[in-house]
Amino acid sequence: MMNMKFKRRTKISCTLLRVMSELSKFDKQTRRYGTDEHLFDAEIHMIKSVKENEGIHVTGLAELLGVTKGAVSQIIMKLQKKGMIIKDTDPHNLSRLMLRLTSKGETAYLYHEKFHQELDDLVNETLDEATEDNKAFLKGFLDSLEEKLRDFNGGGKA
């Protein structure tokens, strides 16, 4: 007779919840990304957005990330205090401030990119022996699940 713990381990939904729990722990951790500052997930992704959208300003970042200007401003202030981002006057619109990375912000960006490459390598290594059909199925399953979870959570609205 199968015990309850074993039954739970064989259900796909239970495995998915365990994976999601591990990923959640992953997201909650702060990391230094090659600097002397601890950065939260939202902060490093703000750094990434500034780096990859040269000359962007607070309103543009808010539109890009789908958050309020107030939320962007709060994170930008923290990143300024940590010496990661500088605000410069836009030469084409003197009432607007453009955001750019400091050398410390550039270091954090590069380490974050390396971190993502390591994550990609981990996933690829895990799927190393899977067939292309199995990989395509998994990708389709995850895309479909993401969409259904977004609907389940109210369409991504807070």
N, C-alpha and C. Protein backbone atom coordinates (compact mmCIF):
# COMPACT_ATOMS: atom_id res chain seq x y z
N MET A 1 0.84 -1.19 0.00
CA MET A 1 0.00 0.00 0.00
C MET A 1 0.89 1.26 0.00
N MET A 2 0.52 2.17 -0.88
CA MET A 2 1.28 3.39 -1.05
C MET A 2 0.99 4.36 0.11
N ASN A 3 2.02 4.87 0.77
CA ASN A 3 1.76 5.82 1.84
C ASN A 3 1.46 7.21 1.27
N MET A 4 0.91 8.09 2.12
CA MET A 4 0.48 9.43 1.67
C MET A 4 1.65 10.28 1.15
N LYS A 5 2.80 10.18 1.83
CA LYS A 5 3.95 10.99 1.42
C LYS A 5 4.39 10.58 0.01
N PHE A 6 4.40 9.28 -0.26
CA PHE A 6 4.80 8.82 -1.59
C PHE A 6 3.77 9.25 -2.64
N LYS A 7 2.46 9.14 -2.26
CA LYS A 7 1.41 9.57 -3.21
C LYS A 7 1.59 11.03 -3.59
N ARG A 8 1.89 11.90 -2.58
CA ARG A 8 2.06 13.32 -2.86
C ARG A 8 3.27 13.57 -3.77
N ARG A 9 4.32 12.78 -3.59
CA ARG A 9 5.53 12.97 -4.39
C ARG A 9 5.30 12.56 -5.85
N THR A 10 4.31 11.72 -6.13
CA THR A 10 4.08 11.27 -7.50
C THR A 10 3.12 12.17 -8.26
N LYS A 11 2.40 13.05 -7.57
CA LYS A 11 1.47 13.95 -8.26
C LYS A 11 2.26 15.10 -8.90
N ILE A 12 1.97 15.37 -10.16
CA ILE A 12 2.66 16.44 -10.88
C ILE A 12 2.42 17.79 -10.20
N SER A 13 1.20 18.02 -9.75
CA SER A 13 0.90 19.31 -9.12
C SER A 13 1.74 19.50 -7.85
N CYS A 14 2.00 18.43 -7.12
CA CYS A 14 2.83 18.54 -5.91
C CYS A 14 4.28 18.82 -6.27
N THR A 15 4.76 18.17 -7.31
CA THR A 15 6.12 18.43 -7.77
C THR A 15 6.24 19.88 -8.21
N LEU A 16 5.24 20.35 -8.93
CA LEU A 16 5.24 21.73 -9.40
C LEU A 16 5.28 22.71 -8.21
N LEU A 17 4.50 22.42 -7.18
CA LEU A 17 4.50 23.30 -6.00
C LEU A 17 5.87 23.30 -5.31
N ARG A 18 6.53 22.14 -5.26
CA ARG A 18 7.87 22.10 -4.66
C ARG A 18 8.87 22.92 -5.50
N VAL A 19 8.77 22.81 -6.82
CA VAL A 19 9.66 23.58 -7.70
C VAL A 19 9.39 25.08 -7.51
N MET A 20 8.11 25.44 -7.46
CA MET A 20 7.74 26.85 -7.28
C MET A 20 8.25 27.37 -5.92
N SER A 21 8.19 26.52 -4.90
CA SER A 21 8.68 26.92 -3.58
C SER A 21 10.19 27.18 -3.63
N GLU A 22 10.92 26.32 -4.32
CA GLU A 22 12.37 26.54 -4.47
C GLU A 22 12.65 27.82 -5.25
N LEU A 23 11.89 28.06 -6.31
CA LEU A 23 12.08 29.28 -7.10
C LEU A 23 11.73 30.53 -6.28
N SER A 24 10.71 30.40 -5.43
CA SER A 24 10.33 31.52 -4.58
C SER A 24 11.46 31.88 -3.62
N LYS A 25 12.10 30.86 -3.04
CA LYS A 25 13.25 31.11 -2.16
C LYS A 25 14.35 31.82 -2.93
N PHE A 26 14.52 31.39 -4.16
CA PHE A 26 15.51 31.94 -5.06
C PHE A 26 15.28 33.45 -5.26
N ASP A 27 14.02 33.82 -5.50
CA ASP A 27 13.67 35.22 -5.77
C ASP A 27 13.79 36.10 -4.53
N LYS A 28 13.57 35.53 -3.34
CA LYS A 28 13.58 36.33 -2.12
C LYS A 28 14.98 36.66 -1.63
N GLN A 29 15.96 35.92 -2.11
CA GLN A 29 17.34 36.14 -1.67
C GLN A 29 17.89 37.42 -2.27
N THR A 30 18.66 38.15 -1.45
CA THR A 30 19.40 39.27 -2.01
C THR A 30 20.75 38.72 -2.46
N ARG A 31 21.33 39.37 -3.45
CA ARG A 31 22.64 38.97 -3.94
C ARG A 31 23.49 40.22 -4.14
N ARG A 32 24.79 40.05 -4.11
CA ARG A 32 25.69 41.20 -4.26
C ARG A 32 26.06 41.48 -5.72
N TYR A 33 25.94 40.54 -6.57
CA TYR A 33 26.26 40.70 -8.00
C TYR A 33 27.60 41.40 -8.21
N GLY A 34 28.62 40.92 -7.50
CA GLY A 34 29.97 41.43 -7.69
C GLY A 34 30.26 42.77 -7.05
N THR A 35 29.32 43.26 -6.22
CA THR A 35 29.51 44.56 -5.56
C THR A 35 29.47 44.36 -4.04
N ASP A 36 29.60 45.46 -3.31
CA ASP A 36 29.52 45.39 -1.85
C ASP A 36 28.10 45.65 -1.34
N GLU A 37 27.14 45.72 -2.22
CA GLU A 37 25.74 46.01 -1.85
C GLU A 37 24.85 44.79 -2.10
N HIS A 38 23.95 44.54 -1.17
CA HIS A 38 22.93 43.51 -1.39
C HIS A 38 21.83 44.11 -2.27
N LEU A 39 21.44 43.38 -3.29
CA LEU A 39 20.40 43.87 -4.20
C LEU A 39 19.21 42.90 -4.20
N PHE A 40 18.02 43.46 -4.09
CA PHE A 40 16.80 42.67 -4.22
C PHE A 40 16.52 42.44 -5.70
N ASP A 41 15.65 41.46 -5.95
CA ASP A 41 15.29 41.11 -7.32
C ASP A 41 14.78 42.32 -8.12
N ALA A 42 13.90 43.11 -7.51
CA ALA A 42 13.35 44.29 -8.21
C ALA A 42 14.46 45.30 -8.53
N GLU A 43 15.45 45.40 -7.66
CA GLU A 43 16.54 46.37 -7.89
C GLU A 43 17.44 45.92 -9.05
N ILE A 44 17.80 44.65 -9.08
CA ILE A 44 18.69 44.22 -10.16
C ILE A 44 17.96 44.25 -11.51
N HIS A 45 16.65 44.00 -11.48
CA HIS A 45 15.92 44.09 -12.75
C HIS A 45 15.72 45.54 -13.20
N MET A 46 15.71 46.47 -12.26
CA MET A 46 15.69 47.89 -12.62
C MET A 46 17.03 48.26 -13.27
N ILE A 47 18.12 47.76 -12.68
CA ILE A 47 19.45 48.01 -13.25
C ILE A 47 19.51 47.44 -14.67
N LYS A 48 19.00 46.25 -14.86
CA LYS A 48 18.99 45.62 -16.19
C LYS A 48 18.20 46.49 -17.19
N SER A 49 17.05 46.97 -16.76
CA SER A 49 16.21 47.80 -17.65
C SER A 49 16.90 49.10 -18.01
N VAL A 50 17.57 49.72 -17.05
CA VAL A 50 18.29 50.97 -17.34
C VAL A 50 19.43 50.70 -18.33
N LYS A 51 20.17 49.63 -18.10
CA LYS A 51 21.29 49.29 -18.99
C LYS A 51 20.82 49.02 -20.42
N GLU A 52 19.73 48.30 -20.54
CA GLU A 52 19.28 47.86 -21.86
C GLU A 52 18.39 48.87 -22.57
N ASN A 53 18.13 50.01 -21.92
CA ASN A 53 17.31 51.07 -22.53
C ASN A 53 17.99 52.41 -22.30
N GLU A 54 19.09 52.60 -22.97
CA GLU A 54 19.91 53.79 -22.79
C GLU A 54 19.09 55.07 -22.92
N GLY A 55 19.29 55.99 -21.97
CA GLY A 55 18.60 57.27 -22.00
C GLY A 55 17.19 57.23 -21.44
N ILE A 56 16.81 56.12 -20.84
CA ILE A 56 15.45 56.00 -20.31
C ILE A 56 15.28 56.90 -19.09
N HIS A 57 14.04 57.28 -18.82
CA HIS A 57 13.71 58.12 -17.68
C HIS A 57 12.65 57.39 -16.84
N VAL A 58 12.29 57.97 -15.71
CA VAL A 58 11.39 57.30 -14.75
C VAL A 58 10.07 56.91 -15.41
N THR A 59 9.45 57.81 -16.16
CA THR A 59 8.16 57.50 -16.79
C THR A 59 8.31 56.35 -17.79
N GLY A 60 9.39 56.37 -18.55
CA GLY A 60 9.64 55.30 -19.52
C GLY A 60 9.84 53.96 -18.84
N LEU A 61 10.56 53.97 -17.72
CA LEU A 61 10.77 52.73 -16.97
C LEU A 61 9.45 52.19 -16.41
N ALA A 62 8.63 53.10 -15.90
CA ALA A 62 7.33 52.68 -15.35
C ALA A 62 6.48 52.03 -16.44
N GLU A 63 6.48 52.63 -17.63
CA GLU A 63 5.71 52.06 -18.74
C GLU A 63 6.30 50.72 -19.16
N LEU A 64 7.61 50.65 -19.23
CA LEU A 64 8.29 49.42 -19.65
C LEU A 64 8.02 48.27 -18.69
N LEU A 65 8.06 48.56 -17.40
CA LEU A 65 7.93 47.51 -16.39
C LEU A 65 6.49 47.28 -15.93
N GLY A 66 5.58 48.16 -16.35
CA GLY A 66 4.18 48.01 -15.97
C GLY A 66 3.93 48.28 -14.49
N VAL A 67 4.67 49.25 -13.95
CA VAL A 67 4.50 49.64 -12.54
C VAL A 67 4.30 51.15 -12.48
N THR A 68 4.01 51.67 -11.29
CA THR A 68 3.78 53.10 -11.16
C THR A 68 5.11 53.87 -11.16
N LYS A 69 5.01 55.16 -11.49
CA LYS A 69 6.21 56.00 -11.44
C LYS A 69 6.74 56.08 -10.00
N GLY A 70 5.80 56.06 -9.03
CA GLY A 70 6.21 56.10 -7.63
C GLY A 70 7.06 54.88 -7.25
N ALA A 71 6.65 53.71 -7.74
CA ALA A 71 7.40 52.48 -7.45
C ALA A 71 8.80 52.57 -8.06
N VAL A 72 8.87 53.06 -9.30
CA VAL A 72 10.17 53.21 -9.97
C VAL A 72 11.03 54.21 -9.18
N SER A 73 10.43 55.34 -8.79
CA SER A 73 11.19 56.37 -8.08
C SER A 73 11.77 55.84 -6.77
N GLN A 74 10.99 55.04 -6.05
CA GLN A 74 11.49 54.48 -4.78
C GLN A 74 12.70 53.59 -5.01
N ILE A 75 12.61 52.73 -6.00
CA ILE A 75 13.74 51.82 -6.26
C ILE A 75 14.95 52.60 -6.77
N ILE A 76 14.70 53.60 -7.62
CA ILE A 76 15.80 54.41 -8.13
C ILE A 76 16.52 55.13 -6.99
N MET A 77 15.75 55.66 -6.01
CA MET A 77 16.38 56.33 -4.87
C MET A 77 17.29 55.36 -4.10
N LYS A 78 16.80 54.13 -3.90
CA LYS A 78 17.62 53.13 -3.20
C LYS A 78 18.88 52.82 -3.99
N LEU A 79 18.73 52.71 -5.31
CA LEU A 79 19.88 52.39 -6.14
C LEU A 79 20.87 53.56 -6.20
N GLN A 80 20.36 54.79 -6.11
CA GLN A 80 21.26 55.94 -6.04
C GLN A 80 22.07 55.91 -4.74
N LYS A 81 21.37 55.59 -3.63
CA LYS A 81 22.06 55.51 -2.33
C LYS A 81 23.12 54.41 -2.33
N LYS A 82 22.85 53.35 -3.09
CA LYS A 82 23.80 52.24 -3.18
C LYS A 82 24.90 52.50 -4.22
N GLY A 83 24.81 53.67 -4.88
CA GLY A 83 25.83 54.04 -5.86
C GLY A 83 25.75 53.27 -7.17
N MET A 84 24.53 52.85 -7.54
CA MET A 84 24.37 52.04 -8.75
C MET A 84 23.85 52.84 -9.95
N ILE A 85 23.09 53.90 -9.68
CA ILE A 85 22.43 54.67 -10.75
C ILE A 85 22.65 56.16 -10.52
N ILE A 86 22.77 56.89 -11.63
CA ILE A 86 22.88 58.35 -11.61
C ILE A 86 21.78 58.93 -12.48
N LYS A 87 21.24 60.07 -12.04
CA LYS A 87 20.26 60.80 -12.85
C LYS A 87 20.99 61.97 -13.51
N ASP A 88 20.86 62.09 -14.83
CA ASP A 88 21.45 63.20 -15.59
C ASP A 88 20.34 63.94 -16.33
N THR A 89 20.52 65.25 -16.49
CA THR A 89 19.55 66.03 -17.26
C THR A 89 19.57 65.59 -18.71
N ASP A 90 18.37 65.40 -19.27
CA ASP A 90 18.23 65.02 -20.68
C ASP A 90 18.57 66.25 -21.53
N PRO A 91 19.60 66.20 -22.39
CA PRO A 91 19.97 67.38 -23.19
C PRO A 91 18.88 67.81 -24.17
N HIS A 92 17.93 66.91 -24.48
CA HIS A 92 16.85 67.24 -25.42
C HIS A 92 15.59 67.74 -24.70
N ASN A 93 15.53 67.55 -23.39
CA ASN A 93 14.38 67.99 -22.60
C ASN A 93 14.90 68.26 -21.19
N LEU A 94 15.22 69.52 -20.92
CA LEU A 94 15.90 69.89 -19.68
C LEU A 94 15.06 69.65 -18.43
N SER A 95 13.76 69.43 -18.58
CA SER A 95 12.93 69.16 -17.40
C SER A 95 12.89 67.67 -17.07
N ARG A 96 13.54 66.86 -17.87
CA ARG A 96 13.50 65.41 -17.66
C ARG A 96 14.89 64.89 -17.29
N LEU A 97 14.91 63.87 -16.41
CA LEU A 97 16.17 63.27 -15.99
C LEU A 97 16.32 61.88 -16.60
N MET A 98 17.45 61.66 -17.22
CA MET A 98 17.75 60.34 -17.79
C MET A 98 18.50 59.53 -16.73
N LEU A 99 18.34 58.23 -16.80
CA LEU A 99 19.00 57.35 -15.84
C LEU A 99 20.15 56.64 -16.52
N ARG A 100 21.24 56.48 -15.80
CA ARG A 100 22.35 55.68 -16.33
C ARG A 100 23.04 54.98 -15.17
N LEU A 101 23.76 53.92 -15.51
CA LEU A 101 24.45 53.13 -14.49
C LEU A 101 25.80 53.73 -14.16
N THR A 102 26.20 53.60 -12.91
CA THR A 102 27.57 53.93 -12.50
C THR A 102 28.42 52.71 -12.83
N SER A 103 29.72 52.79 -12.57
CA SER A 103 30.56 51.61 -12.81
C SER A 103 30.14 50.45 -11.90
N LYS A 104 29.69 50.79 -10.68
CA LYS A 104 29.20 49.75 -9.76
C LYS A 104 27.92 49.11 -10.32
N GLY A 105 27.05 49.93 -10.90
CA GLY A 105 25.83 49.41 -11.53
C GLY A 105 26.16 48.53 -12.73
N GLU A 106 27.18 48.94 -13.50
CA GLU A 106 27.62 48.13 -14.65
C GLU A 106 28.13 46.77 -14.18
N THR A 107 28.87 46.77 -13.07
CA THR A 107 29.37 45.50 -12.51
C THR A 107 28.21 44.60 -12.11
N ALA A 108 27.23 45.18 -11.42
CA ALA A 108 26.06 44.40 -11.00
C ALA A 108 25.34 43.83 -12.22
N TYR A 109 25.20 44.65 -13.27
CA TYR A 109 24.53 44.19 -14.49
C TYR A 109 25.28 42.99 -15.08
N LEU A 110 26.59 43.09 -15.20
CA LEU A 110 27.38 42.00 -15.79
C LEU A 110 27.29 40.71 -14.96
N TYR A 111 27.35 40.84 -13.63
CA TYR A 111 27.23 39.66 -12.77
C TYR A 111 25.83 39.06 -12.87
N HIS A 112 24.81 39.92 -13.02
CA HIS A 112 23.44 39.42 -13.17
C HIS A 112 23.30 38.64 -14.46
N GLU A 113 23.91 39.13 -15.53
CA GLU A 113 23.87 38.41 -16.81
C GLU A 113 24.56 37.05 -16.68
N LYS A 114 25.68 37.04 -15.96
CA LYS A 114 26.40 35.78 -15.73
C LYS A 114 25.53 34.82 -14.91
N PHE A 115 24.84 35.36 -13.91
CA PHE A 115 23.94 34.57 -13.07
C PHE A 115 22.85 33.92 -13.94
N HIS A 116 22.27 34.69 -14.86
CA HIS A 116 21.24 34.14 -15.74
C HIS A 116 21.81 33.07 -16.67
N GLN A 117 23.05 33.27 -17.11
CA GLN A 117 23.68 32.25 -17.96
C GLN A 117 23.85 30.95 -17.18
N GLU A 118 24.21 31.07 -15.91
CA GLU A 118 24.36 29.87 -15.07
C GLU A 118 23.00 29.18 -14.88
N LEU A 119 21.95 29.96 -14.74
CA LEU A 119 20.60 29.39 -14.61
C LEU A 119 20.20 28.70 -15.92
N ASP A 120 20.49 29.35 -17.05
CA ASP A 120 20.22 28.73 -18.35
C ASP A 120 20.98 27.41 -18.48
N ASP A 121 22.23 27.41 -18.04
CA ASP A 121 23.06 26.20 -18.12
C ASP A 121 22.46 25.09 -17.24
N LEU A 122 21.96 25.45 -16.07
CA LEU A 122 21.35 24.47 -15.16
C LEU A 122 20.12 23.83 -15.82
N VAL A 123 19.28 24.66 -16.43
CA VAL A 123 18.08 24.14 -17.09
C VAL A 123 18.48 23.26 -18.28
N ASN A 124 19.43 23.74 -19.08
CA ASN A 124 19.86 22.96 -20.25
C ASN A 124 20.49 21.64 -19.83
N GLU A 125 21.26 21.66 -18.76
CA GLU A 125 21.88 20.43 -18.25
C GLU A 125 20.80 19.46 -17.79
N THR A 126 19.77 19.97 -17.14
CA THR A 126 18.67 19.13 -16.66
C THR A 126 17.93 18.50 -17.83
N LEU A 127 17.84 19.22 -18.94
CA LEU A 127 17.12 18.73 -20.13
C LEU A 127 18.05 18.07 -21.15
N ASP A 128 19.28 17.84 -20.76
CA ASP A 128 20.29 17.34 -21.70
C ASP A 128 19.87 16.07 -22.43
N GLU A 129 19.24 15.15 -21.75
CA GLU A 129 18.89 13.88 -22.38
C GLU A 129 17.46 13.84 -22.91
N ALA A 130 16.74 14.93 -22.79
CA ALA A 130 15.36 14.97 -23.29
C ALA A 130 15.36 15.09 -24.81
N THR A 131 14.35 14.50 -25.44
CA THR A 131 14.21 14.63 -26.89
C THR A 131 13.68 16.03 -27.22
N GLU A 132 13.81 16.45 -28.47
CA GLU A 132 13.28 17.75 -28.88
C GLU A 132 11.76 17.78 -28.70
N ASP A 133 11.08 16.66 -28.95
CA ASP A 133 9.64 16.59 -28.74
C ASP A 133 9.30 16.81 -27.26
N ASN A 134 10.08 16.18 -26.38
CA ASN A 134 9.83 16.35 -24.94
C ASN A 134 10.07 17.79 -24.52
N LYS A 135 11.11 18.42 -25.06
CA LYS A 135 11.39 19.83 -24.73
C LYS A 135 10.26 20.72 -25.23
N ALA A 136 9.77 20.44 -26.45
CA ALA A 136 8.67 21.23 -27.01
C ALA A 136 7.41 21.05 -26.16
N PHE A 137 7.16 19.80 -25.71
CA PHE A 137 6.00 19.57 -24.86
C PHE A 137 6.14 20.36 -23.56
N LEU A 138 7.30 20.27 -22.94
CA LEU A 138 7.52 20.97 -21.66
C LEU A 138 7.34 22.47 -21.82
N LYS A 139 7.89 23.04 -22.88
CA LYS A 139 7.76 24.48 -23.14
C LYS A 139 6.28 24.85 -23.31
N GLY A 140 5.55 24.06 -24.09
CA GLY A 140 4.13 24.32 -24.28
C GLY A 140 3.35 24.19 -22.98
N PHE A 141 3.67 23.17 -22.20
CA PHE A 141 3.02 22.98 -20.91
C PHE A 141 3.26 24.18 -19.99
N LEU A 142 4.51 24.62 -19.89
CA LEU A 142 4.83 25.75 -19.00
C LEU A 142 4.17 27.05 -19.48
N ASP A 143 4.16 27.27 -20.80
CA ASP A 143 3.49 28.47 -21.34
C ASP A 143 2.00 28.45 -21.01
N SER A 144 1.38 27.29 -21.21
CA SER A 144 -0.05 27.17 -20.93
C SER A 144 -0.34 27.33 -19.44
N LEU A 145 0.49 26.72 -18.62
CA LEU A 145 0.30 26.83 -17.17
C LEU A 145 0.48 28.27 -16.70
N GLU A 146 1.48 28.96 -17.25
CA GLU A 146 1.70 30.37 -16.90
C GLU A 146 0.45 31.20 -17.20
N GLU A 147 -0.11 30.99 -18.39
CA GLU A 147 -1.31 31.74 -18.78
C GLU A 147 -2.48 31.42 -17.85
N LYS A 148 -2.67 30.15 -17.54
CA LYS A 148 -3.78 29.76 -16.67
C LYS A 148 -3.58 30.29 -15.25
N LEU A 149 -2.34 30.28 -14.76
CA LEU A 149 -2.08 30.82 -13.42
C LEU A 149 -2.31 32.33 -13.39
N ARG A 150 -1.94 33.03 -14.50
CA ARG A 150 -2.17 34.46 -14.57
C ARG A 150 -3.67 34.75 -14.50
N ASP A 151 -4.48 33.98 -15.23
CA ASP A 151 -5.93 34.13 -15.17
C ASP A 151 -6.45 33.80 -13.77
N PHE A 152 -5.91 32.73 -13.18
CA PHE A 152 -6.32 32.29 -11.84
C PHE A 152 -6.04 33.39 -10.81
N ASN A 153 -4.95 34.12 -11.02
CA ASN A 153 -4.56 35.19 -10.10
C ASN A 153 -5.18 36.53 -10.45
N GLY A 154 -6.18 36.54 -11.31
CA GLY A 154 -6.87 37.78 -11.65
C GLY A 154 -6.23 38.52 -12.80
N GLY A 155 -5.53 37.84 -13.67
CA GLY A 155 -4.98 38.47 -14.87
C GLY A 155 -3.75 39.32 -14.60
N GLY A 156 -3.07 39.08 -13.48
CA GLY A 156 -1.85 39.82 -13.20
C GLY A 156 -2.10 41.17 -12.57
N LYS A 157 -3.37 41.47 -12.28
CA LYS A 157 -3.69 42.75 -11.63
C LYS A 157 -3.56 42.59 -10.13
N ALA A 158 -2.99 43.58 -9.50
CA ALA A 158 -2.82 43.53 -8.04
C ALA A 158 -4.06 43.97 -7.31
